[in-house]
């Protein structure tokens, strides 16, 4: 194919897929937000913002930018979630994409700030960063079509490609830089499927594979994460190489998505990868979009020179600042990972003030999932009792509980309490600030919180006592599962709490 590639169709597909991810993120959160941070939730956002304001004064509005300063009651939280879902539908429909993307970013940032620990996942940060960069890539106007829009901005496209490189390469290099022994000897995947936050039944089967296959898979992952991202920077004559690299990156995300529950992370990563596909590739994949846009030649409608020039200059300045900040966070992420491993590292503390200016907006981030592999699976199990002697597990729907329950598929929905309990099991003392309110809300039978947990075990009323049991879980072997029907084997390690009543917590 001669000439420079075009990205009209590529942008068209990207923005609609991004709108779909935004819809999933907002709709998923809408079903949980009042139980997590509502007035009767685990960490109410109203008192949280009050404490922030008391601590930082007027600086709080800059450090914690959120629309919830205006109102943080339950109807406002729910309305903001569904407002975001509605905006996402407009993006899918192609209505005012630039304006809609700006509003989506503000809305999700507001919920992320108010969501506290329950919205601190890497894909929340990734969605914010992609959403911000997509604003520079999106066409202007109220109803742009393939026949009327100006050519996609190369600078906007390179902003997304630079993010894709950082996301993928950092995921690989931080595994090596961490000094983790399981990544160093390529045995990490012998633990991964069993110890990931919300396993899937397919993960049980993957866990049973021979060690040599796990090692081979780890080697393939290193090739994909450390080598393929460099194809992004190849000259246009290596277009096919870039497309093959895109296929490899997508394949890795598909493998992650079919063996575990990672919310909308895998889908969002795939959408970012697909920006590498140019219009020639999309016309082959989507033949119903074969019509050649009127402006493929690059012609543009005349615009007032001063206004257009000022807008381009401002957009270019902001974009270049984002590229520089992305490079700085890239270097800092590697340096911090090396430093945490106990090895000498480059001192980048001079950049704290620079990064700190952008940090409140959570839209220029470092990445690197599972840089240190968890090799055991502790689990916190909530137990309830009416009399203090007979105890019943209060199982959540999606985290491991009953050993006979098959690990189920919940993605792209993300049950955020189930996820946070995985982190809490790794550091129960550090999670105490929200585990205690969780127990109080369950003893009070707060409807929004019991809806997160599921109330089948205590449908007739809340228990009088709760305690937190600490178990060690592991996948059963095929022989054990054939004999018992269990997917999990578990052993009680200890109790994190004594039996607690509502009076003890007040």
Protein backbone atom coordinates (compact mmCIF):
# COMPACT_ATOMS: atom_id res chain seq x y z
CA UNK A 1 0.00 0.00 0.00
CA UNK A 2 1.52 3.28 -1.10
CA UNK A 3 1.27 6.65 0.62
CA UNK A 4 0.76 7.50 4.25
CA UNK A 5 -1.91 5.47 6.05
CA UNK A 6 -5.15 7.10 7.12
CA UNK A 7 -6.90 6.64 10.47
CA UNK A 8 -10.47 7.86 9.86
CA UNK A 9 -12.05 4.43 10.38
CA UNK A 10 -9.53 3.59 13.08
CA UNK A 11 -10.61 6.60 15.10
CA UNK A 12 -14.29 5.87 14.38
CA UNK A 13 -13.94 2.35 15.83
CA UNK A 14 -11.77 3.45 18.74
CA UNK A 15 -14.16 6.13 19.99
CA UNK A 16 -17.17 3.83 19.85
CA UNK A 17 -15.39 1.04 21.67
CA UNK A 18 -14.15 3.53 24.26
CA UNK A 19 -17.73 4.69 24.71
CA UNK A 20 -18.75 1.08 25.35
CA UNK A 21 -16.05 0.68 28.02
CA UNK A 22 -17.12 3.92 29.67
CA UNK A 23 -20.72 2.66 29.72
CA UNK A 24 -19.65 -0.59 31.38
CA UNK A 25 -17.55 1.26 33.96
CA UNK A 26 -20.31 3.71 34.93
CA UNK A 27 -23.13 1.15 34.89
CA UNK A 28 -21.09 -1.32 36.95
CA UNK A 29 -20.33 1.34 39.53
CA UNK A 30 -23.95 2.55 39.65
CA UNK A 31 -25.03 -0.80 41.13
CA UNK A 32 -22.49 -0.55 43.97
CA UNK A 33 -21.67 3.08 44.66
CA UNK A 34 -24.11 3.71 47.53
CA UNK A 35 -22.98 0.56 49.34
CA UNK A 36 -19.33 1.51 48.94
CA UNK A 37 -19.31 5.25 49.63
CA UNK A 38 -22.94 6.32 50.09
CA UNK A 39 -24.33 7.78 53.31
CA UNK A 40 -25.06 4.29 54.63
CA UNK A 41 -22.07 2.70 52.91
CA UNK A 42 -18.71 1.42 54.07
CA UNK A 43 -16.73 4.66 53.59
CA UNK A 44 -19.25 7.51 53.22
CA UNK A 45 -17.89 10.13 50.86
CA UNK A 46 -19.54 13.10 52.62
CA UNK A 47 -17.59 12.77 55.90
CA UNK A 48 -14.49 11.87 53.87
CA UNK A 49 -14.60 15.17 51.97
CA UNK A 50 -15.27 17.02 55.22
CA UNK A 51 -12.08 15.56 56.70
CA UNK A 52 -10.15 16.46 53.56
CA UNK A 53 -11.40 20.04 53.78
CA UNK A 54 -10.47 20.26 57.47
CA UNK A 55 -6.97 18.98 56.68
CA UNK A 56 -6.12 20.98 53.55
CA UNK A 57 -8.43 23.97 53.68
CA UNK A 58 -9.03 25.64 50.32
CA UNK A 59 -6.28 23.47 48.78
CA UNK A 60 -8.64 20.49 49.13
CA UNK A 61 -10.57 21.55 46.02
CA UNK A 62 -7.38 21.37 43.94
CA UNK A 63 -5.99 18.21 45.49
CA UNK A 64 -9.30 16.34 45.35
CA UNK A 65 -11.09 17.58 42.22
CA UNK A 66 -14.61 16.18 42.23
CA UNK A 67 -18.14 17.33 41.47
CA UNK A 68 -19.15 15.63 44.73
CA UNK A 69 -18.08 18.80 46.56
CA UNK A 70 -21.41 20.19 45.37
CA UNK A 71 -23.46 17.25 46.63
CA UNK A 72 -22.41 13.78 47.79
CA UNK A 73 -25.70 12.27 48.92
CA UNK A 74 -26.89 8.93 47.55
CA UNK A 75 -29.09 10.36 44.76
CA UNK A 76 -26.16 12.51 43.59
CA UNK A 77 -23.81 9.51 43.48
CA UNK A 78 -26.28 7.40 41.56
CA UNK A 79 -27.20 10.26 39.22
CA UNK A 80 -23.55 10.93 38.43
CA UNK A 81 -23.03 7.26 37.53
CA UNK A 82 -26.03 7.13 35.21
CA UNK A 83 -25.19 10.56 33.78
CA UNK A 84 -21.82 9.11 32.82
CA UNK A 85 -23.49 6.04 31.30
CA UNK A 86 -25.72 8.34 29.26
CA UNK A 87 -22.72 10.32 28.05
CA UNK A 88 -21.03 7.05 27.07
CA UNK A 89 -24.08 6.17 24.95
CA UNK A 90 -23.72 9.53 23.19
CA UNK A 91 -20.07 8.74 22.45
CA UNK A 92 -21.05 5.39 20.97
CA UNK A 93 -23.61 7.21 18.82
CA UNK A 94 -20.94 9.67 17.66
CA UNK A 95 -22.65 12.78 19.03
CA UNK A 96 -20.35 15.68 19.95
CA UNK A 97 -17.45 13.32 20.76
CA UNK A 98 -14.96 15.95 21.92
CA UNK A 99 -17.40 17.64 24.29
CA UNK A 100 -18.74 14.30 25.52
CA UNK A 101 -15.22 12.99 26.21
CA UNK A 102 -14.47 16.05 28.33
CA UNK A 103 -17.63 15.49 30.38
CA UNK A 104 -16.92 11.76 30.70
CA UNK A 105 -13.44 12.49 32.03
CA UNK A 106 -14.75 14.99 34.60
CA UNK A 107 -17.51 12.61 35.71
CA UNK A 108 -15.26 9.59 36.14
CA UNK A 109 -12.56 11.63 37.85
CA UNK A 110 -15.20 12.88 40.29
CA UNK A 111 -16.30 9.34 41.13
CA UNK A 112 -12.72 8.10 41.36
CA UNK A 113 -11.84 10.77 43.93
CA UNK A 114 -14.99 10.09 45.93
CA UNK A 115 -14.64 6.33 45.62
CA UNK A 116 -11.47 6.33 47.74
CA UNK A 117 -9.85 2.88 48.02
CA UNK A 118 -12.64 1.24 46.01
CA UNK A 119 -11.70 3.14 42.85
CA UNK A 120 -7.91 3.01 43.06
CA UNK A 121 -7.41 0.18 40.58
CA UNK A 122 -5.00 0.55 37.68
CA UNK A 123 -7.79 0.28 35.11
CA UNK A 124 -9.61 3.21 36.73
CA UNK A 125 -6.45 5.25 36.19
CA UNK A 126 -6.03 3.82 32.70
CA UNK A 127 -9.60 4.77 31.74
CA UNK A 128 -9.03 8.31 32.96
CA UNK A 129 -5.77 8.61 31.01
CA UNK A 130 -7.20 7.16 27.80
CA UNK A 131 -10.29 9.35 28.16
CA UNK A 132 -8.17 12.47 28.50
CA UNK A 133 -5.93 11.62 25.54
CA UNK A 134 -8.92 10.66 23.40
CA UNK A 135 -10.11 14.25 23.68
CA UNK A 136 -7.10 15.32 21.60
CA UNK A 137 -7.85 12.60 19.03
CA UNK A 138 -11.60 13.09 18.68
CA UNK A 139 -13.20 15.11 15.87
CA UNK A 140 -14.90 18.41 16.71
CA UNK A 141 -18.48 19.27 15.90
CA UNK A 142 -21.90 18.07 17.01
CA UNK A 143 -22.37 15.16 14.62
CA UNK A 144 -19.16 14.47 12.73
CA UNK A 145 -19.27 11.71 10.12
CA UNK A 146 -16.62 9.90 8.12
CA UNK A 147 -17.48 12.12 5.15
CA UNK A 148 -17.17 15.44 6.98
CA UNK A 149 -14.48 15.19 9.64
CA UNK A 150 -10.95 16.50 9.35
CA UNK A 151 -8.09 13.99 9.36
CA UNK A 152 -7.25 12.58 12.80
CA UNK A 153 -4.49 14.46 14.53
CA UNK A 154 -1.16 12.59 14.31
CA UNK A 155 -0.22 14.13 17.66
CA UNK A 156 -3.41 12.79 19.24
CA UNK A 157 -2.70 9.34 17.82
CA UNK A 158 0.87 9.38 19.12
CA UNK A 159 -0.38 10.34 22.57
CA UNK A 160 -2.39 7.10 22.60
CA UNK A 161 0.46 5.06 21.14
CA UNK A 162 2.89 6.45 23.72
CA UNK A 163 0.45 5.39 26.46
CA UNK A 164 0.13 1.94 24.89
CA UNK A 165 3.91 1.54 24.85
CA UNK A 166 4.21 2.60 28.49
CA UNK A 167 1.37 0.31 29.59
CA UNK A 168 2.74 -2.79 27.90
CA UNK A 169 6.47 -2.27 28.33
CA UNK A 170 6.15 -1.28 31.99
CA UNK A 171 4.11 -4.43 32.64
CA UNK A 172 7.10 -6.46 31.52
CA UNK A 173 10.10 -4.45 32.71
CA UNK A 174 8.75 -3.95 36.24
CA UNK A 175 8.45 -7.72 36.65
CA UNK A 176 12.16 -8.02 35.96
CA UNK A 177 13.12 -4.90 37.90
CA UNK A 178 11.21 -6.02 41.01
CA UNK A 179 13.64 -8.87 41.62
CA UNK A 180 10.74 -11.23 42.23
CA UNK A 181 12.19 -14.78 42.13
CA UNK A 182 9.15 -16.34 40.45
CA UNK A 183 9.38 -13.93 37.52
CA UNK A 184 13.14 -14.36 37.40
CA UNK A 185 12.91 -18.17 37.01
CA UNK A 186 9.73 -18.03 34.87
CA UNK A 187 7.60 -19.97 37.38
CA UNK A 188 5.24 -17.11 38.24
CA UNK A 189 2.35 -18.58 36.26
CA UNK A 190 2.42 -21.72 38.39
CA UNK A 191 0.94 -19.47 41.10
CA UNK A 192 -0.90 -16.79 39.11
CA UNK A 193 -4.15 -18.57 38.22
CA UNK A 194 -4.63 -19.73 41.80
CA UNK A 195 -3.71 -16.51 43.59
CA UNK A 196 -5.23 -13.85 41.30
CA UNK A 197 -7.94 -11.73 42.96
CA UNK A 198 -11.09 -13.28 41.45
CA UNK A 199 -10.19 -16.56 39.74
CA UNK A 200 -12.25 -18.07 36.96
CA UNK A 201 -13.04 -21.74 36.48
CA UNK A 202 -10.82 -21.71 33.40
CA UNK A 203 -8.01 -20.62 35.71
CA UNK A 204 -8.43 -23.87 37.67
CA UNK A 205 -7.81 -25.83 34.47
CA UNK A 206 -4.87 -23.60 33.48
CA UNK A 207 -3.34 -24.14 36.92
CA UNK A 208 -3.19 -27.89 36.31
CA UNK A 209 -0.94 -27.54 33.25
CA UNK A 210 2.64 -28.83 33.47
CA UNK A 211 5.29 -26.50 34.82
CA UNK A 212 7.09 -26.41 31.45
CA UNK A 213 3.98 -24.93 29.83
CA UNK A 214 3.79 -22.27 32.54
CA UNK A 215 7.45 -21.43 31.93
CA UNK A 216 6.89 -21.30 28.18
CA UNK A 217 3.86 -19.04 28.71
CA UNK A 218 5.94 -16.70 30.89
CA UNK A 219 8.58 -16.53 28.17
CA UNK A 220 5.92 -15.69 25.60
CA UNK A 221 4.58 -12.99 27.88
CA UNK A 222 8.04 -11.43 28.14
CA UNK A 223 8.34 -11.39 24.34
CA UNK A 224 4.95 -9.70 24.02
CA UNK A 225 5.43 -7.13 26.78
CA UNK A 226 9.13 -6.30 26.29
CA UNK A 227 9.67 -6.63 22.54
CA UNK A 228 6.40 -6.13 20.66
CA UNK A 229 5.70 -2.61 22.00
CA UNK A 230 8.79 -1.33 20.17
CA UNK A 231 7.03 -2.06 16.87
CA UNK A 232 4.88 1.00 17.58
CA UNK A 233 7.84 3.21 16.65
CA UNK A 234 8.75 1.45 13.40
CA UNK A 235 8.62 3.45 10.13
CA UNK A 236 5.56 3.09 7.94
CA UNK A 237 7.25 0.60 5.59
CA UNK A 238 7.05 -1.87 8.49
CA UNK A 239 3.28 -1.43 8.75
CA UNK A 240 2.64 -5.18 8.68
CA UNK A 241 5.08 -5.72 11.53
CA UNK A 242 3.14 -3.20 13.58
CA UNK A 243 -0.10 -5.02 12.84
CA UNK A 244 1.41 -8.35 13.87
CA UNK A 245 2.63 -6.72 17.07
CA UNK A 246 -0.90 -5.45 17.65
CA UNK A 247 -2.21 -9.00 17.21
CA UNK A 248 0.27 -10.30 19.78
CA UNK A 249 -0.62 -7.61 22.31
CA UNK A 250 -4.33 -8.32 21.85
CA UNK A 251 -3.74 -12.07 22.20
CA UNK A 252 -2.11 -11.53 25.59
CA UNK A 253 -5.07 -9.48 26.81
CA UNK A 254 -7.51 -12.12 25.58
CA UNK A 255 -5.55 -14.80 27.46
CA UNK A 256 -5.71 -12.69 30.64
CA UNK A 257 -9.43 -12.06 30.15
CA UNK A 258 -10.44 -15.70 29.64
CA UNK A 259 -8.59 -16.99 32.70
CA UNK A 260 -9.54 -14.36 35.29
CA UNK A 261 -11.99 -11.63 36.23
CA UNK A 262 -10.33 -8.24 35.67
CA UNK A 263 -13.35 -6.00 35.25
CA UNK A 264 -13.04 -3.96 32.08
CA UNK A 265 -9.21 -3.92 32.11
CA UNK A 266 -8.61 -6.48 29.35
CA UNK A 267 -11.26 -4.91 27.11
CA UNK A 268 -9.85 -1.42 27.68
CA UNK A 269 -6.32 -2.60 26.89
CA UNK A 270 -7.52 -4.25 23.68
CA UNK A 271 -9.28 -1.04 22.62
CA UNK A 272 -6.03 0.87 23.12
CA UNK A 273 -4.11 -1.74 21.10
CA UNK A 274 -6.56 -1.44 18.21
CA UNK A 275 -5.51 2.16 17.61
CA UNK A 276 -2.51 0.61 15.82
CA UNK A 277 -4.78 -0.70 13.06
CA UNK A 278 -5.07 1.79 10.18
CA UNK A 279 -7.99 2.25 7.81
CA UNK A 280 -6.74 -0.33 5.32
CA UNK A 281 -6.88 -2.96 8.04
CA UNK A 282 -10.30 -1.86 9.29
CA UNK A 283 -11.82 -1.88 5.80
CA UNK A 284 -10.77 -5.51 5.52
CA UNK A 285 -12.14 -6.36 8.95
CA UNK A 286 -15.35 -4.31 8.59
CA UNK A 287 -16.35 -4.39 4.93
CA UNK A 288 -19.56 -2.45 5.61
CA UNK A 289 -17.31 0.58 6.24
CA UNK A 290 -15.64 0.37 2.84
CA UNK A 291 -16.94 3.74 1.70
CA UNK A 292 -13.99 6.04 1.32
CA UNK A 293 -14.33 9.21 3.39
CA UNK A 294 -14.52 12.39 1.37
CA UNK A 295 -11.49 13.84 3.12
CA UNK A 296 -9.11 10.94 2.89
CA UNK A 297 -7.02 13.15 0.67
CA UNK A 298 -6.44 15.46 3.59
CA UNK A 299 -8.51 18.43 2.35
CA UNK A 300 -9.95 20.54 5.13
CA UNK A 301 -12.73 23.07 5.31
CA UNK A 302 -11.41 26.62 5.67
CA UNK A 303 -11.36 27.95 9.23
CA UNK A 304 -10.56 31.36 10.69
CA UNK A 305 -6.78 31.35 10.75
CA UNK A 306 -6.38 33.02 14.13
CA UNK A 307 -8.87 30.80 16.00
CA UNK A 308 -7.66 27.58 14.39
CA UNK A 309 -4.02 28.49 14.96
CA UNK A 310 -4.57 29.36 18.60
CA UNK A 311 -6.47 26.14 19.21
CA UNK A 312 -3.78 24.06 17.54
CA UNK A 313 -1.01 25.80 19.46
CA UNK A 314 -2.76 25.27 22.79
CA UNK A 315 -3.54 21.64 22.02
CA UNK A 316 0.04 21.03 20.92
CA UNK A 317 1.47 22.60 24.08
CA UNK A 318 -0.77 20.51 26.35
CA UNK A 319 -0.08 17.35 24.36
CA UNK A 320 3.67 17.85 24.55
CA UNK A 321 3.40 18.40 28.30
CA UNK A 322 1.46 15.13 28.61
CA UNK A 323 4.10 13.29 26.58
CA UNK A 324 6.85 14.66 28.82
CA UNK A 325 4.93 13.80 32.00
CA UNK A 326 4.30 10.32 30.64
CA UNK A 327 8.02 9.88 30.08
CA UNK A 328 8.77 11.07 33.59
CA UNK A 329 6.28 8.68 35.20
CA UNK A 330 7.68 5.91 32.99
CA UNK A 331 11.19 6.48 34.39
CA UNK A 332 9.91 6.91 37.94
CA UNK A 333 7.95 3.65 37.83
CA UNK A 334 11.03 1.66 36.86
CA UNK A 335 13.24 3.47 39.38
CA UNK A 336 10.74 2.99 42.20
CA UNK A 337 10.38 -0.72 41.39
CA UNK A 338 14.14 -1.21 41.46
CA UNK A 339 14.41 0.76 44.69
CA UNK A 340 11.72 -1.32 46.43
CA UNK A 341 13.66 -4.47 45.55
CA UNK A 342 16.55 -3.15 47.66
CA UNK A 343 18.89 -2.43 44.76
CA UNK A 344 20.43 0.97 43.97
CA UNK A 345 18.36 3.11 41.66
CA UNK A 346 18.35 6.50 39.97
CA UNK A 347 17.21 9.27 42.30
CA UNK A 348 14.25 11.02 40.67
CA UNK A 349 12.96 12.69 43.80
CA UNK A 350 13.60 16.08 42.11
CA UNK A 351 10.55 15.36 39.95
CA UNK A 352 8.12 14.98 42.85
CA UNK A 353 6.92 18.56 42.59
CA UNK A 354 6.41 18.29 38.82
CA UNK A 355 4.46 15.05 39.01
CA UNK A 356 2.58 16.39 42.03
CA UNK A 357 0.99 19.10 39.90
CA UNK A 358 -0.71 16.50 37.71
CA UNK A 359 -1.27 13.84 40.36
CA UNK A 360 -4.69 15.08 41.59
CA UNK A 361 -6.11 14.47 38.10
CA UNK A 362 -5.00 10.81 38.07
CA UNK A 363 -4.49 10.93 34.32
CA UNK A 364 -0.72 10.50 33.88
CA UNK A 365 0.19 7.21 35.52
CA UNK A 366 2.72 4.44 35.89
CA UNK A 367 1.61 0.87 35.27
CA UNK A 368 2.74 -2.66 35.97
CA UNK A 369 0.32 -5.37 37.07
CA UNK A 370 1.56 -8.23 39.25
CA UNK A 371 5.16 -7.09 39.29
CA UNK A 372 5.54 -9.23 42.42
CA UNK A 373 3.72 -12.54 42.26
CA UNK A 374 1.61 -13.64 45.22
CA UNK A 375 2.50 -17.28 45.92
CA UNK A 376 -0.11 -18.04 48.59
CA UNK A 377 -3.81 -17.29 48.78
CA UNK A 378 -5.02 -16.05 52.17
CA UNK A 379 -8.73 -15.28 52.32
CA UNK A 380 -10.84 -13.37 54.80
CA UNK A 381 -14.14 -15.15 55.40
CA UNK A 382 -16.92 -13.27 57.20
CA UNK A 383 -18.73 -15.48 59.71
CA UNK A 384 -22.01 -14.62 61.43
CA UNK A 385 -23.81 -16.09 64.42
CA UNK A 386 -27.06 -15.51 66.26
CA UNK A 387 -25.87 -17.01 69.56
CA UNK A 388 -22.05 -16.78 69.47
CA UNK A 389 -21.57 -20.54 69.25
CA UNK A 390 -22.93 -21.67 65.87
CA UNK A 391 -21.30 -19.84 62.98
CA UNK A 392 -22.24 -19.51 59.32
CA UNK A 393 -20.08 -18.23 56.48
CA UNK A 394 -21.40 -15.03 54.92
CA UNK A 395 -20.07 -15.69 51.43
CA UNK A 396 -19.69 -12.98 48.85
CA UNK A 397 -20.87 -13.87 45.38
CA UNK A 398 -17.60 -13.75 43.50
CA UNK A 399 -14.66 -14.21 45.85
CA UNK A 400 -13.64 -17.73 46.91
CA UNK A 401 -15.81 -18.94 49.77
CA UNK A 402 -17.61 -22.26 49.66
CA UNK A 403 -14.98 -24.73 48.35
CA UNK A 404 -17.61 -26.45 46.17
CA UNK A 405 -18.71 -23.29 44.38
CA UNK A 406 -17.25 -23.01 40.89
CA UNK A 407 -15.27 -19.79 40.30
CA UNK A 408 -17.64 -17.86 38.06
CA UNK A 409 -17.42 -15.22 35.34
CA UNK A 410 -18.32 -11.69 36.46
CA UNK A 411 -16.21 -9.49 34.12
CA UNK A 412 -16.62 -6.92 32.67
CA UNK A 413 -18.59 -5.99 35.79
CA UNK A 414 -16.24 -5.42 38.71
CA UNK A 415 -17.54 -6.28 42.19
CA UNK A 416 -15.29 -3.86 44.01
CA UNK A 417 -15.83 -5.12 47.55
CA UNK A 418 -14.91 -8.67 46.51
CA UNK A 419 -11.76 -7.29 44.90
CA UNK A 420 -10.78 -5.22 47.93
CA UNK A 421 -11.16 -8.22 50.24
CA UNK A 422 -8.39 -9.91 48.25
CA UNK A 423 -6.08 -6.98 49.03
CA UNK A 424 -7.30 -6.93 52.64
CA UNK A 425 -6.29 -10.57 53.09
CA UNK A 426 -2.72 -9.65 52.11
CA UNK A 427 -2.63 -6.87 54.73
CA UNK A 428 -5.52 -7.21 57.22
CA UNK A 429 -4.12 -4.61 59.60
CA UNK A 430 -3.75 -2.03 56.82
CA UNK A 431 -7.34 -2.64 55.69
CA UNK A 432 -8.77 -2.26 59.19
CA UNK A 433 -9.99 1.27 58.50
CA UNK A 434 -12.68 -0.07 56.16
CA UNK A 435 -13.12 -3.63 57.47
CA UNK A 436 -14.51 -2.31 60.79
CA UNK A 437 -17.14 -0.10 59.08
CA UNK A 438 -18.01 -3.05 56.84
CA UNK A 439 -18.74 -5.23 59.87
CA UNK A 440 -20.77 -2.45 61.49
CA UNK A 441 -22.92 -1.99 58.38
CA UNK A 442 -23.52 -5.74 58.15
CA UNK A 443 -24.57 -5.93 61.80
CA UNK A 444 -26.89 -2.97 61.20
CA UNK A 445 -28.29 -4.70 58.10
CA UNK A 446 -27.60 -1.57 56.03
CA UNK A 447 -29.43 -2.43 52.78
CA UNK A 448 -26.85 -0.93 50.40
CA UNK A 449 -24.01 -2.90 52.02
CA UNK A 450 -25.81 -6.22 52.45
CA UNK A 451 -26.66 -5.95 48.75
CA UNK A 452 -22.92 -5.98 48.02
CA UNK A 453 -22.36 -9.08 50.13
CA UNK A 454 -25.57 -10.97 49.40
CA UNK A 455 -27.92 -11.70 52.27
CA UNK A 456 -29.07 -15.27 51.56
CA UNK A 457 -27.28 -16.62 54.64
CA UNK A 458 -29.13 -14.20 56.93
CA UNK A 459 -32.27 -13.43 54.95
CA UNK A 460 -34.45 -13.36 58.07
CA UNK A 461 -32.33 -10.73 59.81
CA UNK A 462 -28.76 -9.73 60.59
CA UNK A 463 -26.62 -11.87 62.89
CA UNK A 464 -25.92 -10.67 66.43
CA UNK A 465 -22.22 -11.44 66.12
CA UNK A 466 -19.61 -11.33 63.37
CA UNK A 467 -16.00 -12.43 63.20
CA UNK A 468 -13.35 -12.53 60.51
CA UNK A 469 -11.77 -15.91 59.87
CA UNK A 470 -8.42 -16.15 58.09
CA UNK A 471 -8.07 -19.12 55.72
CA UNK A 472 -5.44 -20.44 53.37
CA UNK A 473 -6.94 -21.46 50.01
CA UNK A 474 -5.48 -23.46 47.16
CA UNK A 475 -6.93 -25.04 44.07
CA UNK A 476 -7.73 -28.73 44.43
CA UNK A 477 -5.92 -31.24 42.26
CA UNK A 478 -7.89 -33.14 39.60
CA UNK A 479 -7.90 -36.21 41.86
CA UNK A 480 -9.22 -34.19 44.82
CA UNK A 481 -11.93 -32.61 42.71
CA UNK A 482 -13.01 -35.94 41.31
CA UNK A 483 -13.28 -37.33 44.84
CA UNK A 484 -14.93 -34.39 46.62
CA UNK A 485 -16.32 -32.11 43.92
CA UNK A 486 -14.46 -29.19 45.50
CA UNK A 487 -12.74 -26.51 43.45
CA UNK A 488 -10.84 -25.26 46.50
CA UNK A 489 -9.08 -26.79 49.47
CA UNK A 490 -8.98 -24.52 52.48
CA UNK A 491 -7.43 -24.60 55.94
CA UNK A 492 -8.21 -22.29 58.85
CA UNK A 493 -5.17 -20.27 59.86
CA UNK A 494 -6.56 -18.03 62.61
CA UNK A 495 -9.31 -15.60 63.53
CA UNK A 496 -8.57 -11.97 62.86
CA UNK A 497 -11.20 -10.82 65.36
CA UNK A 498 -13.03 -12.12 68.37
CA UNK A 499 -16.83 -12.32 68.05
CA UNK A 500 -18.00 -8.72 67.66
CA UNK A 501 -21.46 -7.32 68.31
CA UNK A 502 -22.89 -3.98 67.24
CA UNK A 503 -22.29 -2.60 70.73
CA UNK A 504 -18.57 -3.38 70.43
CA UNK A 505 -18.25 -1.25 67.30
CA UNK A 506 -20.17 1.81 68.46
